[in-house]
PDB file of N, CA and C in Angstrom:
ATOM      1  N   ALA A   1      -0.802   3.108 -19.513  1.00  0.00           N
ATOM      2  CA  ALA A   1      -1.216   1.871 -18.851  1.00  0.00           C
ATOM      3  C   ALA A   1      -0.711   1.868 -17.416  1.00  0.00           C
ATOM      4  N   GLN A   2      -1.469   1.258 -16.548  1.00  0.00           N
ATOM      5  CA  GLN A   2      -1.090   1.142 -15.146  1.00  0.00           C
ATOM      6  C   GLN A   2      -0.748  -0.316 -14.838  1.00  0.00           C
ATOM      7  N   LYS A   3       0.287  -0.512 -14.032  1.00  0.00           N
ATOM      8  CA  LYS A   3       0.707  -1.867 -13.690  1.00  0.00           C
ATOM      9  C   LYS A   3       1.253  -1.870 -12.270  1.00  0.00           C
ATOM     10  N   VAL A   4       0.925  -2.920 -11.531  1.00  0.00           N
ATOM     11  CA  VAL A   4       1.436  -3.095 -10.176  1.00  0.00           C
ATOM     12  C   VAL A   4       2.034  -4.481 -10.060  1.00  0.00           C
ATOM     13  N   THR A   5       3.220  -4.560  -9.446  1.00  0.00           N
ATOM     14  CA  THR A   5       3.834  -5.858  -9.189  1.00  0.00           C
ATOM     15  C   THR A   5       4.214  -5.937  -7.717  1.00  0.00           C
ATOM     16  N   GLN A   6       4.268  -7.171  -7.219  1.00  0.00           N
ATOM     17  CA  GLN A   6       4.666  -7.395  -5.833  1.00  0.00           C
ATOM     18  C   GLN A   6       5.425  -8.708  -5.768  1.00  0.00           C
ATOM     19  N   ASP A   7       6.307  -8.804  -4.798  1.00  0.00           N
ATOM     20  CA  ASP A   7       7.196  -9.964  -4.710  1.00  0.00           C
ATOM     21  C   ASP A   7       6.811 -10.917  -3.582  1.00  0.00           C
ATOM     22  N   GLN A   8       5.647 -10.702  -2.983  1.00  0.00           N
ATOM     23  CA  GLN A   8       5.250 -11.503  -1.823  1.00  0.00           C
ATOM     24  C   GLN A   8       3.798 -11.955  -1.981  1.00  0.00           C
ATOM     25  N   PRO A   9       3.550 -13.195  -2.386  1.00  0.00           N
ATOM     26  CA  PRO A   9       2.161 -13.646  -2.451  1.00  0.00           C
ATOM     27  C   PRO A   9       1.514 -13.698  -1.071  1.00  0.00           C
ATOM     28  N   TYR A  10       2.324 -13.913  -0.063  1.00  0.00           N
ATOM     29  CA  TYR A  10       1.837 -13.840   1.313  1.00  0.00           C
ATOM     30  C   TYR A  10       3.021 -13.587   2.239  1.00  0.00           C
ATOM     31  N   VAL A  11       2.724 -13.107   3.419  1.00  0.00           N
ATOM     32  CA  VAL A  11       3.744 -12.810   4.421  1.00  0.00           C
ATOM     33  C   VAL A  11       3.247 -13.342   5.756  1.00  0.00           C
ATOM     34  N   THR A  12       4.162 -13.907   6.526  1.00  0.00           N
ATOM     35  CA  THR A  12       3.806 -14.352   7.873  1.00  0.00           C
ATOM     36  C   THR A  12       4.712 -13.671   8.891  1.00  0.00           C
ATOM     37  N   SER A  13       4.164 -13.445  10.056  1.00  0.00           N
ATOM     38  CA  SER A  13       4.926 -12.868  11.151  1.00  0.00           C
ATOM     39  C   SER A  13       4.216 -13.241  12.444  1.00  0.00           C
ATOM     40  N   GLN A  14       4.659 -12.640  13.534  1.00  0.00           N
ATOM     41  CA  GLN A  14       4.095 -12.958  14.840  1.00  0.00           C
ATOM     42  C   GLN A  14       3.476 -11.718  15.470  1.00  0.00           C
ATOM     43  N   ILE A  15       2.514 -11.950  16.332  1.00  0.00           N
ATOM     44  CA  ILE A  15       1.879 -10.862  17.072  1.00  0.00           C
ATOM     45  C   ILE A  15       2.961 -10.033  17.764  1.00  0.00           C
ATOM     46  N   GLY A  16       2.835  -8.706  17.637  1.00  0.00           N
ATOM     47  CA  GLY A  16       3.783  -7.802  18.268  1.00  0.00           C
ATOM     48  C   GLY A  16       4.971  -7.441  17.405  1.00  0.00           C
ATOM     49  N   GLN A  17       5.225  -8.214  16.355  1.00  0.00           N
ATOM     50  CA  GLN A  17       6.331  -7.933  15.448  1.00  0.00           C
ATOM     51  C   GLN A  17       5.877  -6.948  14.372  1.00  0.00           C
ATOM     52  N   SER A  18       6.778  -6.660  13.426  1.00  0.00           N
ATOM     53  CA  SER A  18       6.459  -5.804  12.287  1.00  0.00           C
ATOM     54  C   SER A  18       6.511  -6.616  11.002  1.00  0.00           C
ATOM     55  N   VAL A  19       5.861  -6.101   9.977  1.00  0.00           N
ATOM     56  CA  VAL A  19       5.891  -6.736   8.665  1.00  0.00           C
ATOM     57  C   VAL A  19       5.953  -5.640   7.605  1.00  0.00           C
ATOM     58  N   ILE A  20       6.611  -5.940   6.491  1.00  0.00           N
ATOM     59  CA  ILE A  20       6.740  -4.984   5.391  1.00  0.00           C
ATOM     60  C   ILE A  20       6.140  -5.595   4.131  1.00  0.00           C
ATOM     61  N   LEU A  21       5.250  -4.847   3.480  1.00  0.00           N
ATOM     62  CA  LEU A  21       4.643  -5.249   2.215  1.00  0.00           C
ATOM     63  C   LEU A  21       5.220  -4.372   1.115  1.00  0.00           C
ATOM     64  N   ASN A  22       5.790  -4.988   0.092  1.00  0.00           N
ATOM     65  CA  ASN A  22       6.463  -4.254  -0.983  1.00  0.00           C
ATOM     66  C   ASN A  22       5.609  -4.200  -2.238  1.00  0.00           C
ATOM     67  N   CYS A  23       5.698  -3.088  -2.948  1.00  0.00           N
ATOM     68  CA  CYS A  23       4.929  -2.920  -4.174  1.00  0.00           C
ATOM     69  C   CYS A  23       5.682  -1.994  -5.127  1.00  0.00           C
ATOM     70  N   TRP A  24       5.622  -2.321  -6.432  1.00  0.00           N
ATOM     71  CA  TRP A  24       6.175  -1.466  -7.475  1.00  0.00           C
ATOM     72  C   TRP A  24       5.058  -1.165  -8.448  1.00  0.00           C
ATOM     73  N   TYR A  25       5.040   0.046  -8.962  1.00  0.00           N
ATOM     74  CA  TYR A  25       3.941   0.429  -9.851  1.00  0.00           C
ATOM     75  C   TYR A  25       4.468   1.179 -11.064  1.00  0.00           C
ATOM     76  N   GLU A  26       3.712   1.123 -12.139  1.00  0.00           N
ATOM     77  CA  GLU A  26       3.998   1.884 -13.348  1.00  0.00           C
ATOM     78  C   GLU A  26       2.726   2.622 -13.731  1.00  0.00           C
ATOM     79  N   VAL A  27       2.856   3.916 -13.964  1.00  0.00           N
ATOM     80  CA  VAL A  27       1.717   4.716 -14.410  1.00  0.00           C
ATOM     81  C   VAL A  27       2.174   5.617 -15.547  1.00  0.00           C
ATOM     82  N   SER A  28       1.256   5.969 -16.418  1.00  0.00           N
ATOM     83  CA  SER A  28       1.609   6.802 -17.564  1.00  0.00           C
ATOM     84  C   SER A  28       1.803   8.258 -17.169  1.00  0.00           C
ATOM     85  N   TRP A  29       1.381   8.621 -15.952  1.00  0.00           N
ATOM     86  CA  TRP A  29       1.461  10.014 -15.516  1.00  0.00           C
ATOM     87  C   TRP A  29       2.391  10.184 -14.314  1.00  0.00           C
ATOM     88  N   SER A  30       3.470   9.411 -14.276  1.00  0.00           N
ATOM     89  CA  SER A  30       4.353   9.438 -13.103  1.00  0.00           C
ATOM     90  C   SER A  30       5.047  10.785 -12.909  1.00  0.00           C
ATOM     91  N   GLY A  31       5.139  11.602 -13.951  1.00  0.00           N
ATOM     92  CA  GLY A  31       5.770  12.906 -13.824  1.00  0.00           C
ATOM     93  C   GLY A  31       4.895  13.930 -13.129  1.00  0.00           C
ATOM     94  N   TYR A  32       3.644  13.607 -12.931  1.00  0.00           N
ATOM     95  CA  TYR A  32       2.704  14.514 -12.293  1.00  0.00           C
ATOM     96  C   TYR A  32       2.512  14.117 -10.829  1.00  0.00           C
ATOM     97  N   THR A  33       2.006  15.073 -10.053  1.00  0.00           N
ATOM     98  CA  THR A  33       1.684  14.738  -8.665  1.00  0.00           C
ATOM     99  C   THR A  33       0.643  13.632  -8.648  1.00  0.00           C
ATOM    100  N   HIS A  34       0.915  12.616  -7.853  1.00  0.00           N
ATOM    101  CA  HIS A  34      -0.055  11.539  -7.715  1.00  0.00           C
ATOM    102  C   HIS A  34      -0.075  11.058  -6.274  1.00  0.00           C
ATOM    103  N   TYR A  35      -1.095  10.309  -5.958  1.00  0.00           N
ATOM    104  CA  TYR A  35      -1.332   9.860  -4.592  1.00  0.00           C
ATOM    105  C   TYR A  35      -1.403   8.340  -4.569  1.00  0.00           C
ATOM    106  N   LEU A  36      -0.786   7.768  -3.553  1.00  0.00           N
ATOM    107  CA  LEU A  36      -0.679   6.321  -3.420  1.00  0.00           C
ATOM    108  C   LEU A  36      -1.390   5.911  -2.139  1.00  0.00           C
ATOM    109  N   TYR A  37      -2.174   4.870  -2.216  1.00  0.00           N
ATOM    110  CA  TYR A  37      -3.029   4.462  -1.103  1.00  0.00           C
ATOM    111  C   TYR A  37      -2.827   2.993  -0.760  1.00  0.00           C
ATOM    112  N   TRP A  38      -2.937   2.692   0.506  1.00  0.00           N
ATOM    113  CA  TRP A  38      -3.019   1.306   0.962  1.00  0.00           C
ATOM    114  C   TRP A  38      -4.363   1.109   1.640  1.00  0.00           C
ATOM    115  N   TYR A  39      -4.971  -0.044   1.342  1.00  0.00           N
ATOM    116  CA  TYR A  39      -6.244  -0.427   1.932  1.00  0.00           C
ATOM    117  C   TYR A  39      -6.120  -1.833   2.510  1.00  0.00           C
ATOM    118  N   LYS A  40      -7.035  -2.139   3.390  1.00  0.00           N
ATOM    119  CA  LYS A  40      -7.076  -3.456   4.033  1.00  0.00           C
ATOM    120  C   LYS A  40      -8.491  -4.008   3.903  1.00  0.00           C
ATOM    121  N   GLN A  41      -8.579  -5.321   3.697  1.00  0.00           N
ATOM    122  CA  GLN A  41      -9.898  -5.949   3.633  1.00  0.00           C
ATOM    123  C   GLN A  41      -9.909  -7.233   4.446  1.00  0.00           C
ATOM    124  N   LEU A  42     -10.736  -7.241   5.471  1.00  0.00           N
ATOM    125  CA  LEU A  42     -10.962  -8.446   6.257  1.00  0.00           C
ATOM    126  C   LEU A  42     -11.984  -9.320   5.542  1.00  0.00           C
ATOM    127  N   PRO A  43     -11.980 -10.613   5.774  1.00  0.00           N
ATOM    128  CA  PRO A  43     -12.937 -11.501   5.105  1.00  0.00           C
ATOM    129  C   PRO A  43     -14.380 -11.017   5.279  1.00  0.00           C
ATOM    130  N   SER A  44     -15.113 -10.996   4.168  1.00  0.00           N
ATOM    131  CA  SER A  44     -16.540 -10.622   4.151  1.00  0.00           C
ATOM    132  C   SER A  44     -16.795  -9.189   4.596  1.00  0.00           C
ATOM    133  N   GLU A  45     -15.778  -8.325   4.488  1.00  0.00           N
ATOM    134  CA  GLU A  45     -15.963  -6.921   4.864  1.00  0.00           C
ATOM    135  C   GLU A  45     -15.532  -6.009   3.724  1.00  0.00           C
ATOM    136  N   GLU A  46     -15.897  -4.738   3.840  1.00  0.00           N
ATOM    137  CA  GLU A  46     -15.486  -3.727   2.875  1.00  0.00           C
ATOM    138  C   GLU A  46     -14.003  -3.406   3.056  1.00  0.00           C
ATOM    139  N   MET A  47     -13.396  -2.860   1.993  1.00  0.00           N
ATOM    140  CA  MET A  47     -12.033  -2.362   2.138  1.00  0.00           C
ATOM    141  C   MET A  47     -12.039  -1.141   3.042  1.00  0.00           C
ATOM    142  N   THR A  48     -11.000  -1.007   3.853  1.00  0.00           N
ATOM    143  CA  THR A  48     -10.856   0.173   4.697  1.00  0.00           C
ATOM    144  C   THR A  48      -9.534   0.860   4.376  1.00  0.00           C
ATOM    145  N   PHE A  49      -9.556   2.183   4.393  1.00  0.00           N
ATOM    146  CA  PHE A  49      -8.374   2.989   4.105  1.00  0.00           C
ATOM    147  C   PHE A  49      -7.373   2.896   5.251  1.00  0.00           C
ATOM    148  N   LEU A  50      -6.087   2.756   4.896  1.00  0.00           N
ATOM    149  CA  LEU A  50      -5.031   2.720   5.910  1.00  0.00           C
ATOM    150  C   LEU A  50      -4.169   3.970   5.899  1.00  0.00           C
ATOM    151  N   ILE A  51      -3.654   4.331   4.707  1.00  0.00           N
ATOM    152  CA  ILE A  51      -2.664   5.407   4.657  1.00  0.00           C
ATOM    153  C   ILE A  51      -2.549   5.940   3.232  1.00  0.00           C
ATOM    154  N   ARG A  52      -2.216   7.227   3.110  1.00  0.00           N
ATOM    155  CA  ARG A  52      -2.029   7.863   1.808  1.00  0.00           C
ATOM    156  C   ARG A  52      -0.641   8.474   1.736  1.00  0.00           C
ATOM    157  N   GLN A  53       0.002   8.304   0.584  1.00  0.00           N
ATOM    158  CA  GLN A  53       1.314   8.885   0.329  1.00  0.00           C
ATOM    159  C   GLN A  53       1.218   9.822  -0.867  1.00  0.00           C
ATOM    160  N   GLU A  54       1.673  11.058  -0.705  1.00  0.00           N
ATOM    161  CA  GLU A  54       1.743  11.988  -1.829  1.00  0.00           C
ATOM    162  C   GLU A  54       3.096  11.831  -2.502  1.00  0.00           C
ATOM    163  N   SER A  55       3.104  11.843  -3.843  1.00  0.00           N
ATOM    164  CA  SER A  55       4.345  11.581  -4.580  1.00  0.00           C
ATOM    165  C   SER A  55       5.413  12.634  -4.330  1.00  0.00           C
ATOM    166  N   SER A  56       5.015  13.833  -3.942  1.00  0.00           N
ATOM    167  CA  SER A  56       5.996  14.889  -3.696  1.00  0.00           C
ATOM    168  C   SER A  56       6.192  15.171  -2.206  1.00  0.00           C
ATOM    169  N   GLY A  57       5.630  14.336  -1.357  1.00  0.00           N
ATOM    170  CA  GLY A  57       5.704  14.588   0.076  1.00  0.00           C
ATOM    171  C   GLY A  57       6.632  13.648   0.813  1.00  0.00           C
ATOM    172  N   PRO A  58       6.828  13.897   2.105  1.00  0.00           N
ATOM    173  CA  PRO A  58       7.651  13.000   2.931  1.00  0.00           C
ATOM    174  C   PRO A  58       6.920  11.688   3.176  1.00  0.00           C
ATOM    175  N   ASN A  59       7.662  10.697   3.618  1.00  0.00           N
ATOM    176  CA  ASN A  59       7.057   9.400   3.904  1.00  0.00           C
ATOM    177  C   ASN A  59       5.933   9.548   4.932  1.00  0.00           C
ATOM    178  N   ALA A  60       4.812   8.930   4.628  1.00  0.00           N
ATOM    179  CA  ALA A  60       3.617   9.071   5.460  1.00  0.00           C
ATOM    180  C   ALA A  60       3.647   8.101   6.639  1.00  0.00           C
ATOM    181  N   ARG A  61       2.932   8.486   7.685  1.00  0.00           N
ATOM    182  CA  ARG A  61       2.758   7.635   8.864  1.00  0.00           C
ATOM    183  C   ARG A  61       1.343   7.853   9.397  1.00  0.00           C
ATOM    184  N   ASN A  62       0.725   6.753   9.806  1.00  0.00           N
ATOM    185  CA  ASN A  62      -0.622   6.825  10.370  1.00  0.00           C
ATOM    186  C   ASN A  62      -0.744   5.727  11.417  1.00  0.00           C
ATOM    187  N   GLY A  63      -0.508   6.079  12.663  1.00  0.00           N
ATOM    188  CA  GLY A  63      -0.566   5.094  13.737  1.00  0.00           C
ATOM    189  C   GLY A  63       0.468   3.995  13.544  1.00  0.00           C
ATOM    190  N   ARG A  64       0.030   2.748  13.447  1.00  0.00           N
ATOM    191  CA  ARG A  64       0.940   1.614  13.286  1.00  0.00           C
ATOM    192  C   ARG A  64       1.389   1.413  11.843  1.00  0.00           C
ATOM    193  N   TYR A  65       0.865   2.236  10.933  1.00  0.00           N
ATOM    194  CA  TYR A  65       1.188   2.102   9.511  1.00  0.00           C
ATOM    195  C   TYR A  65       2.159   3.196   9.084  1.00  0.00           C
ATOM    196  N   SER A  66       3.182   2.803   8.356  1.00  0.00           N
ATOM    197  CA  SER A  66       4.122   3.784   7.811  1.00  0.00           C
ATOM    198  C   SER A  66       4.541   3.346   6.416  1.00  0.00           C
ATOM    199  N   VAL A  67       4.949   4.321   5.622  1.00  0.00           N
ATOM    200  CA  VAL A  67       5.275   4.090   4.219  1.00  0.00           C
ATOM    201  C   VAL A  67       6.722   4.465   3.960  1.00  0.00           C
ATOM    202  N   ASN A  68       7.392   3.666   3.147  1.00  0.00           N
ATOM    203  CA  ASN A  68       8.699   4.009   2.604  1.00  0.00           C
ATOM    204  C   ASN A  68       8.514   4.137   1.098  1.00  0.00           C
ATOM    205  N   PHE A  69       8.506   5.382   0.607  1.00  0.00           N
ATOM    206  CA  PHE A  69       8.234   5.670  -0.800  1.00  0.00           C
ATOM    207  C   PHE A  69       9.524   6.068  -1.496  1.00  0.00           C
ATOM    208  N   GLN A  70       9.851   5.377  -2.575  1.00  0.00           N
ATOM    209  CA  GLN A  70      11.025   5.676  -3.392  1.00  0.00           C
ATOM    210  C   GLN A  70      10.530   6.078  -4.783  1.00  0.00           C
ATOM    211  N   LYS A  71      10.377   7.377  -4.994  1.00  0.00           N
ATOM    212  CA  LYS A  71       9.768   7.860  -6.238  1.00  0.00           C
ATOM    213  C   LYS A  71      10.559   7.449  -7.471  1.00  0.00           C
ATOM    214  N   ALA A  72      11.876   7.541  -7.404  1.00  0.00           N
ATOM    215  CA  ALA A  72      12.699   7.223  -8.576  1.00  0.00           C
ATOM    216  C   ALA A  72      12.545   5.775  -9.007  1.00  0.00           C
ATOM    217  N   GLN A  73      12.266   4.900  -8.063  1.00  0.00           N
ATOM    218  CA  GLN A  73      12.101   3.473  -8.363  1.00  0.00           C
ATOM    219  C   GLN A  73      10.626   3.068  -8.506  1.00  0.00           C
ATOM    220  N   ASN A  74       9.718   4.044  -8.384  1.00  0.00           N
ATOM    221  CA  ASN A  74       8.283   3.725  -8.373  1.00  0.00           C
ATOM    222  C   ASN A  74       7.992   2.592  -7.396  1.00  0.00           C
ATOM    223  N   SER A  75       8.567   2.700  -6.223  1.00  0.00           N
ATOM    224  CA  SER A  75       8.467   1.657  -5.203  1.00  0.00           C
ATOM    225  C   SER A  75       7.818   2.228  -3.949  1.00  0.00           C
ATOM    226  N   ILE A  76       6.942   1.431  -3.354  1.00  0.00           N
ATOM    227  CA  ILE A  76       6.322   1.840  -2.100  1.00  0.00           C
ATOM    228  C   ILE A  76       6.171   0.615  -1.208  1.00  0.00           C
ATOM    229  N   SER A  77       6.559   0.769   0.039  1.00  0.00           N
ATOM    230  CA  SER A  77       6.448  -0.316   1.013  1.00  0.00           C
ATOM    231  C   SER A  77       5.593   0.149   2.180  1.00  0.00           C
ATOM    232  N   LEU A  78       4.743  -0.737   2.632  1.00  0.00           N
ATOM    233  CA  LEU A  78       3.920  -0.473   3.807  1.00  0.00           C
ATOM    234  C   LEU A  78       4.468  -1.283   4.966  1.00  0.00           C
ATOM    235  N   THR A  79       4.798  -0.607   6.057  1.00  0.00           N
ATOM    236  CA  THR A  79       5.203  -1.293   7.282  1.00  0.00           C
ATOM    237  C   THR A  79       4.052  -1.252   8.274  1.00  0.00           C
ATOM    238  N   ILE A  80       3.717  -2.424   8.788  1.00  0.00           N
ATOM    239  CA  ILE A  80       2.719  -2.533   9.856  1.00  0.00           C
ATOM    240  C   ILE A  80       3.472  -2.954  11.104  1.00  0.00           C
ATOM    241  N   SER A  81       3.450  -2.125  12.112  1.00  0.00           N
ATOM    242  CA  SER A  81       4.187  -2.421  13.337  1.00  0.00           C
ATOM    243  C   SER A  81       3.237  -2.936  14.417  1.00  0.00           C
ATOM    244  N   ALA A  82       3.808  -3.524  15.446  1.00  0.00           N
ATOM    245  CA  ALA A  82       3.035  -4.045  16.586  1.00  0.00           C
ATOM    246  C   ALA A  82       1.839  -4.861  16.101  1.00  0.00           C
ATOM    247  N   LEU A  83       2.134  -5.880  15.309  1.00  0.00           N
ATOM    248  CA  LEU A  83       1.079  -6.667  14.671  1.00  0.00           C
ATOM    249  C   LEU A  83       0.045  -7.190  15.659  1.00  0.00           C
ATOM    250  N   GLN A  84      -1.204  -7.161  15.208  1.00  0.00           N
ATOM    251  CA  GLN A  84      -2.331  -7.682  15.970  1.00  0.00           C
ATOM    252  C   GLN A  84      -3.028  -8.751  15.133  1.00  0.00           C
ATOM    253  N   LEU A  85      -3.810  -9.575  15.772  1.00  0.00           N
ATOM    254  CA  LEU A  85      -4.483 -10.662  15.072  1.00  0.00           C
ATOM    255  C   LEU A  85      -5.326 -10.150  13.911  1.00  0.00           C
ATOM    256  N   GLU A  86      -5.976  -9.013  14.096  1.00  0.00           N
ATOM    257  CA  GLU A  86      -6.848  -8.479  13.047  1.00  0.00           C
ATOM    258  C   GLU A  86      -6.078  -7.905  11.859  1.00  0.00           C
ATOM    259  N   ASP A  87      -4.752  -7.912  11.910  1.00  0.00           N
ATOM    260  CA  ASP A  87      -3.958  -7.509  10.749  1.00  0.00           C
ATOM    261  C   ASP A  87      -3.896  -8.610   9.696  1.00  0.00           C
ATOM    262  N   SER A  88      -4.375  -9.798  10.029  1.00  0.00           N
ATOM    263  CA  SER A  88      -4.454 -10.882   9.053  1.00  0.00           C
ATOM    264  C   SER A  88      -5.584 -10.562   8.085  1.00  0.00           C
ATOM    265  N   ALA A  89      -5.225 -10.132   6.856  1.00  0.00           N
ATOM    266  CA  ALA A  89      -6.210  -9.616   5.910  1.00  0.00           C
ATOM    267  C   ALA A  89      -5.593  -9.561   4.523  1.00  0.00           C
ATOM    268  N   LYS A  90      -6.417  -9.193   3.538  1.00  0.00           N
ATOM    269  CA  LYS A  90      -5.909  -8.862   2.216  1.00  0.00           C
ATOM    270  C   LYS A  90      -5.549  -7.384   2.216  1.00  0.00           C
ATOM    271  N   TYR A  91      -4.457  -7.045   1.525  1.00  0.00           N
ATOM    272  CA  TYR A  91      -4.036  -5.656   1.423  1.00  0.00           C
ATOM    273  C   TYR A  91      -4.026  -5.251  -0.042  1.00  0.00           C
ATOM    274  N   PHE A  92      -4.547  -4.054  -0.296  1.00  0.00           N
ATOM    275  CA  PHE A  92      -4.654  -3.543  -1.654  1.00  0.00           C
ATOM    276  C   PHE A  92      -3.875  -2.239  -1.768  1.00  0.00           C
ATOM    277  N   PHE A  93      -3.337  -2.017  -2.957  1.00  0.00           N
ATOM    278  CA  PHE A  93      -2.632  -0.783  -3.267  1.00  0.00           C
ATOM    279  C   PHE A  93      -3.400  -0.070  -4.371  1.00  0.00           C
ATOM    280  N   GLY A  94      -3.495   1.246  -4.249  1.00  0.00           N
ATOM    281  CA  GLY A  94      -4.150   2.037  -5.277  1.00  0.00           C
ATOM    282  C   GLY A  94      -3.413   3.336  -5.506  1.00  0.00           C
ATOM    283  N   CYS A  95      -3.630   3.938  -6.683  1.00  0.00           N
ATOM    284  CA  CYS A  95      -3.001   5.226  -6.951  1.00  0.00           C
ATOM    285  C   CYS A  95      -3.906   6.056  -7.846  1.00  0.00           C
ATOM    286  N   ARG A  96      -3.719   7.359  -7.771  1.00  0.00           N
ATOM    287  CA  ARG A  96      -4.468   8.251  -8.648  1.00  0.00           C
ATOM    288  C   ARG A  96      -3.646   9.489  -8.929  1.00  0.00           C
ATOM    289  N   GLN A  97      -3.869  10.056 -10.104  1.00  0.00           N
ATOM    290  CA  GLN A  97      -3.262  11.329 -10.451  1.00  0.00           C
ATOM    291  C   GLN A  97      -4.018  12.432  -9.727  1.00  0.00           C
ATOM    292  N   ASN A  98      -3.359  13.562  -9.518  1.00  0.00           N
ATOM    293  CA  ASN A  98      -4.014  14.701  -8.893  1.00  0.00           C
ATOM    294  C   ASN A  98      -5.296  15.033  -9.647  1.00  0.00           C
ATOM    295  N   HIS A  99      -6.397  15.154  -8.930  1.00  0.00           N
ATOM    296  CA  HIS A  99      -7.717  15.455  -9.489  1.00  0.00           C
ATOM    297  C   HIS A  99      -8.260  14.315 -10.337  1.00  0.00           C
ATOM    298  N   GLY A 100      -7.670  13.142 -10.230  1.00  0.00           N
ATOM    299  CA  GLY A 100      -8.163  11.992 -10.988  1.00  0.00           C
ATOM    300  C   GLY A 100      -8.904  11.030 -10.088  1.00  0.00           C
ATOM    301  N   ARG A 101      -9.263   9.906 -10.654  1.00  0.00           N
ATOM    302  CA  ARG A 101      -9.968   8.900  -9.868  1.00  0.00           C
ATOM    303  C   ARG A 101      -8.978   7.871  -9.343  1.00  0.00           C
ATOM    304  N   THR A 102      -9.320   7.243  -8.253  1.00  0.00           N
ATOM    305  CA  THR A 102      -8.463   6.218  -7.664  1.00  0.00           C
ATOM    306  C   THR A 102      -8.557   4.938  -8.475  1.00  0.00           C
ATOM    307  N   VAL A 103      -7.414   4.342  -8.742  1.00  0.00           N
ATOM    308  CA  VAL A 103      -7.362   3.055  -9.420  1.00  0.00           C
ATOM    309  C   VAL A 103      -6.951   2.020  -8.389  1.00  0.00           C
ATOM    310  N   ILE A 104      -7.842   1.107  -8.066  1.00  0.00           N
ATOM    311  CA  ILE A 104      -7.547   0.058  -7.095  1.00  0.00           C
ATOM    312  C   ILE A 104      -6.995  -1.142  -7.838  1.00  0.00           C
ATOM    313  N   HIS A 105      -5.847  -1.580  -7.427  1.00  0.00           N
ATOM    314  CA  HIS A 105      -5.218  -2.709  -8.089  1.00  0.00           C
ATOM    315  C   HIS A 105      -5.476  -3.996  -7.328  1.00  0.00           C
ATOM    316  N   LYS A 106      -5.036  -5.082  -7.939  1.00  0.00           N
ATOM    317  CA  LYS A 106      -5.256  -6.411  -7.362  1.00  0.00           C
ATOM    318  C   LYS A 106      -4.756  -6.479  -5.928  1.00  0.00           C
ATOM    319  N   ASP A 107      -5.282  -7.458  -5.226  1.00  0.00           N
ATOM    320  CA  ASP A 107      -4.853  -7.625  -3.844  1.00  0.00           C
ATOM    321  C   ASP A 107      -3.373  -7.953  -3.797  1.00  0.00           C
ATOM    322  N   ILE A 108      -2.705  -7.423  -2.817  1.00  0.00           N
ATOM    323  CA  ILE A 108      -1.267  -7.595  -2.680  1.00  0.00           C
ATOM    324  C   ILE A 108      -0.953  -8.844  -1.876  1.00  0.00           C
ATOM    325  N   LEU A 109      -1.740  -9.113  -0.868  1.00  0.00           N
ATOM    326  CA  LEU A 109      -1.477 -10.271  -0.017  1.00  0.00           C
ATOM    327  C   LEU A 109      -2.766 -10.959   0.374  1.00  0.00           C
ATOM    328  N   GLU A 110      -2.724 -12.269   0.415  1.00  0.00           N
ATOM    329  CA  GLU A 110      -3.844 -13.048   0.926  1.00  0.00           C
ATOM    330  C   GLU A 110      -3.756 -13.097   2.455  1.00  0.00           C
ATOM    331  N   PRO A 111      -4.895 -13.230   3.146  1.00  0.00           N
ATOM    332  CA  PRO A 111      -4.844 -13.342   4.616  1.00  0.00           C
ATOM    333  C   PRO A 111      -4.279 -14.690   5.038  1.00  0.00           C
TER     334      PRO A 111
END
């Protein structure tokens, strides 16, 4: 079974500041290589990919997005730096086993 929990129904910050979104997950295949994804969805738009973290790799970074992955705790945090107005959105977390399909979980934050 797959499960995702988060401790922040919403987060507020100011333009130019940073924000951290926290997530914990449980998967039945945690001992295998797996990939963790963050997506963003603006109102009335499709989800867009932000960043991917490999379970056996170093913490990922993609422009203003960076990840703090703690494999032993099944914990992953997304940091968004230099906040812009368009960062006000829903954020989704997903994961998949190597060669498996992506499982998109519930939205992590409301805009």
